[in-house]
Amino acid sequence: MEFKQRLRQLRKQKKETQAQAAAAIGLQQRHYQRFELGENLPGYANLIALADHFEVTLDYLMCRTDENVRP
């Protein structure tokens, strides 16, 4: 799985629109859309915000593992 797929999966699990997910982490909708389209990758601060918002680890968000174990 790629980052863009994981991000979309997490958003859909939370039953959010792209606009809602973007607003939750302080981004414009188009900027968030580019993450899901694979056109851009988020920077460090946005990665942390996304992981916190979706309540997952950074490794899970970035597809380094399929286990979402938060301490």
N, C-alpha and C. Protein backbone atom coordinates (compact mmCIF):
# COMPACT_ATOMS: atom_id res chain seq x y z
N MET A 1 0.85 -1.18 0.00
CA MET A 1 0.00 0.00 0.00
C MET A 1 0.89 1.24 0.00
N GLU A 2 0.46 2.25 -0.69
CA GLU A 2 1.17 3.53 -0.74
C GLU A 2 0.54 4.52 0.24
N PHE A 3 1.31 5.58 0.53
CA PHE A 3 0.84 6.60 1.46
C PHE A 3 -0.52 7.16 1.04
N LYS A 4 -0.67 7.49 -0.24
CA LYS A 4 -1.92 8.10 -0.69
C LYS A 4 -3.11 7.17 -0.45
N GLN A 5 -2.90 5.88 -0.61
CA GLN A 5 -3.98 4.91 -0.37
C GLN A 5 -4.29 4.80 1.12
N ARG A 6 -3.25 4.78 1.94
CA ARG A 6 -3.44 4.69 3.39
C ARG A 6 -4.19 5.91 3.90
N LEU A 7 -3.81 7.08 3.40
CA LEU A 7 -4.44 8.32 3.83
C LEU A 7 -5.93 8.31 3.48
N ARG A 8 -6.26 7.91 2.27
CA ARG A 8 -7.66 7.84 1.85
C ARG A 8 -8.42 6.82 2.70
N GLN A 9 -7.80 5.68 2.95
CA GLN A 9 -8.43 4.64 3.76
C GLN A 9 -8.76 5.16 5.16
N LEU A 10 -7.80 5.84 5.78
CA LEU A 10 -8.02 6.37 7.12
C LEU A 10 -9.13 7.41 7.13
N ARG A 11 -9.14 8.27 6.12
CA ARG A 11 -10.18 9.30 6.05
C ARG A 11 -11.56 8.66 5.90
N LYS A 12 -11.66 7.67 5.05
CA LYS A 12 -12.95 7.02 4.84
C LYS A 12 -13.40 6.24 6.07
N GLN A 13 -12.45 5.64 6.79
CA GLN A 13 -12.80 4.95 8.03
C GLN A 13 -13.40 5.92 9.05
N LYS A 14 -12.89 7.14 9.02
CA LYS A 14 -13.38 8.16 9.95
C LYS A 14 -14.64 8.85 9.41
N LYS A 15 -15.05 8.48 8.19
CA LYS A 15 -16.24 9.03 7.54
C LYS A 15 -16.17 10.54 7.40
N GLU A 16 -15.03 11.01 6.91
CA GLU A 16 -14.81 12.43 6.69
C GLU A 16 -14.67 12.71 5.19
N THR A 17 -15.00 13.93 4.82
CA THR A 17 -14.71 14.39 3.47
C THR A 17 -13.27 14.90 3.45
N GLN A 18 -12.76 15.12 2.26
CA GLN A 18 -11.42 15.70 2.17
C GLN A 18 -11.40 17.09 2.81
N ALA A 19 -12.46 17.84 2.63
CA ALA A 19 -12.54 19.18 3.23
C ALA A 19 -12.49 19.11 4.75
N GLN A 20 -13.18 18.14 5.34
CA GLN A 20 -13.18 18.00 6.80
C GLN A 20 -11.81 17.59 7.31
N ALA A 21 -11.17 16.66 6.64
CA ALA A 21 -9.83 16.23 7.05
C ALA A 21 -8.83 17.37 6.93
N ALA A 22 -8.93 18.11 5.84
CA ALA A 22 -8.02 19.25 5.64
C ALA A 22 -8.21 20.30 6.73
N ALA A 23 -9.46 20.63 7.02
CA ALA A 23 -9.75 21.64 8.05
C ALA A 23 -9.27 21.18 9.42
N ALA A 24 -9.37 19.90 9.69
CA ALA A 24 -8.97 19.38 11.00
C ALA A 24 -7.48 19.57 11.27
N ILE A 25 -6.68 19.60 10.20
CA ILE A 25 -5.24 19.78 10.43
C ILE A 25 -4.74 21.14 9.93
N GLY A 26 -5.68 22.01 9.55
CA GLY A 26 -5.32 23.38 9.19
C GLY A 26 -4.78 23.56 7.79
N LEU A 27 -5.27 22.77 6.84
CA LEU A 27 -4.84 22.88 5.45
C LEU A 27 -6.00 23.31 4.56
N GLN A 28 -5.66 23.85 3.40
CA GLN A 28 -6.68 24.08 2.40
C GLN A 28 -7.02 22.74 1.76
N GLN A 29 -8.25 22.60 1.31
CA GLN A 29 -8.71 21.33 0.76
C GLN A 29 -7.84 20.88 -0.41
N ARG A 30 -7.48 21.76 -1.30
CA ARG A 30 -6.69 21.39 -2.47
C ARG A 30 -5.32 20.83 -2.07
N HIS A 31 -4.74 21.41 -1.03
CA HIS A 31 -3.44 20.93 -0.55
C HIS A 31 -3.57 19.49 -0.05
N TYR A 32 -4.64 19.22 0.70
CA TYR A 32 -4.89 17.86 1.19
C TYR A 32 -5.16 16.91 0.03
N GLN A 33 -5.93 17.36 -0.95
CA GLN A 33 -6.24 16.52 -2.11
C GLN A 33 -4.96 16.05 -2.81
N ARG A 34 -3.99 16.91 -2.86
CA ARG A 34 -2.73 16.56 -3.52
C ARG A 34 -2.02 15.42 -2.78
N PHE A 35 -2.20 15.33 -1.49
CA PHE A 35 -1.65 14.19 -0.74
C PHE A 35 -2.33 12.90 -1.18
N GLU A 36 -3.66 12.92 -1.25
CA GLU A 36 -4.39 11.71 -1.63
C GLU A 36 -4.19 11.34 -3.10
N LEU A 37 -3.88 12.30 -3.93
CA LEU A 37 -3.62 12.02 -5.34
C LEU A 37 -2.17 11.57 -5.57
N GLY A 38 -1.34 11.73 -4.56
CA GLY A 38 0.05 11.35 -4.70
C GLY A 38 0.89 12.40 -5.41
N GLU A 39 0.35 13.61 -5.55
CA GLU A 39 1.07 14.69 -6.21
C GLU A 39 2.09 15.35 -5.29
N ASN A 40 1.82 15.35 -4.01
CA ASN A 40 2.70 15.92 -2.99
C ASN A 40 2.75 15.00 -1.79
N LEU A 41 3.84 15.08 -1.05
CA LEU A 41 3.93 14.41 0.24
C LEU A 41 3.96 15.48 1.32
N PRO A 42 3.33 15.21 2.45
CA PRO A 42 3.32 16.19 3.52
C PRO A 42 4.68 16.34 4.17
N GLY A 43 4.91 17.54 4.67
CA GLY A 43 6.11 17.78 5.45
C GLY A 43 5.96 17.21 6.85
N TYR A 44 7.01 17.35 7.64
CA TYR A 44 7.05 16.77 8.98
C TYR A 44 5.87 17.21 9.85
N ALA A 45 5.61 18.51 9.90
CA ALA A 45 4.54 19.02 10.76
C ALA A 45 3.18 18.48 10.32
N ASN A 46 2.95 18.41 9.03
CA ASN A 46 1.67 17.89 8.54
C ASN A 46 1.56 16.39 8.76
N LEU A 47 2.66 15.67 8.67
CA LEU A 47 2.63 14.23 8.96
C LEU A 47 2.19 13.98 10.40
N ILE A 48 2.77 14.74 11.31
CA ILE A 48 2.41 14.59 12.72
C ILE A 48 0.94 14.95 12.93
N ALA A 49 0.50 16.03 12.30
CA ALA A 49 -0.90 16.44 12.43
C ALA A 49 -1.84 15.36 11.88
N LEU A 50 -1.49 14.77 10.75
CA LEU A 50 -2.31 13.71 10.17
C LEU A 50 -2.35 12.48 11.07
N ALA A 51 -1.19 12.07 11.56
CA ALA A 51 -1.13 10.91 12.44
C ALA A 51 -1.96 11.15 13.71
N ASP A 52 -1.84 12.32 14.28
CA ASP A 52 -2.62 12.65 15.48
C ASP A 52 -4.12 12.68 15.17
N HIS A 53 -4.48 13.28 14.05
CA HIS A 53 -5.89 13.38 13.69
C HIS A 53 -6.51 12.00 13.48
N PHE A 54 -5.79 11.13 12.78
CA PHE A 54 -6.32 9.81 12.49
C PHE A 54 -5.99 8.79 13.58
N GLU A 55 -5.29 9.24 14.62
CA GLU A 55 -4.95 8.41 15.78
C GLU A 55 -4.19 7.15 15.37
N VAL A 56 -3.13 7.37 14.57
CA VAL A 56 -2.27 6.27 14.11
C VAL A 56 -0.81 6.67 14.33
N THR A 57 0.07 5.68 14.24
CA THR A 57 1.49 5.97 14.34
C THR A 57 2.00 6.50 13.01
N LEU A 58 3.12 7.19 13.06
CA LEU A 58 3.74 7.68 11.82
C LEU A 58 4.15 6.52 10.93
N ASP A 59 4.66 5.45 11.51
CA ASP A 59 5.05 4.29 10.71
C ASP A 59 3.84 3.70 9.98
N TYR A 60 2.72 3.63 10.64
CA TYR A 60 1.51 3.11 10.00
C TYR A 60 1.04 4.05 8.89
N LEU A 61 1.02 5.34 9.19
CA LEU A 61 0.60 6.34 8.20
C LEU A 61 1.47 6.29 6.96
N MET A 62 2.77 6.12 7.14
CA MET A 62 3.71 6.11 6.02
C MET A 62 3.91 4.72 5.41
N CYS A 63 3.09 3.78 5.83
CA CYS A 63 3.10 2.40 5.26
C CYS A 63 4.40 1.66 5.54
N ARG A 64 5.05 2.00 6.62
CA ARG A 64 6.26 1.25 7.00
C ARG A 64 5.89 0.00 7.77
N THR A 65 4.65 -0.06 8.26
CA THR A 65 4.15 -1.23 8.97
C THR A 65 2.63 -1.29 8.75
N ASP A 66 2.10 -2.47 8.90
CA ASP A 66 0.65 -2.62 8.81
C ASP A 66 0.02 -2.73 10.19
N GLU A 67 0.85 -2.57 11.23
CA GLU A 67 0.35 -2.62 12.61
C GLU A 67 0.28 -1.19 13.15
N ASN A 68 -0.87 -0.84 13.69
CA ASN A 68 -1.05 0.48 14.26
C ASN A 68 -1.06 0.35 15.77
N VAL A 69 0.10 0.30 16.36
CA VAL A 69 0.22 0.16 17.81
C VAL A 69 0.77 1.45 18.38
N ARG A 70 -0.11 2.17 19.06
CA ARG A 70 0.32 3.43 19.69
C ARG A 70 0.63 3.17 21.14
N PRO A 71 1.67 3.80 21.65
CA PRO A 71 2.03 3.61 23.06
C PRO A 71 0.99 4.15 24.00
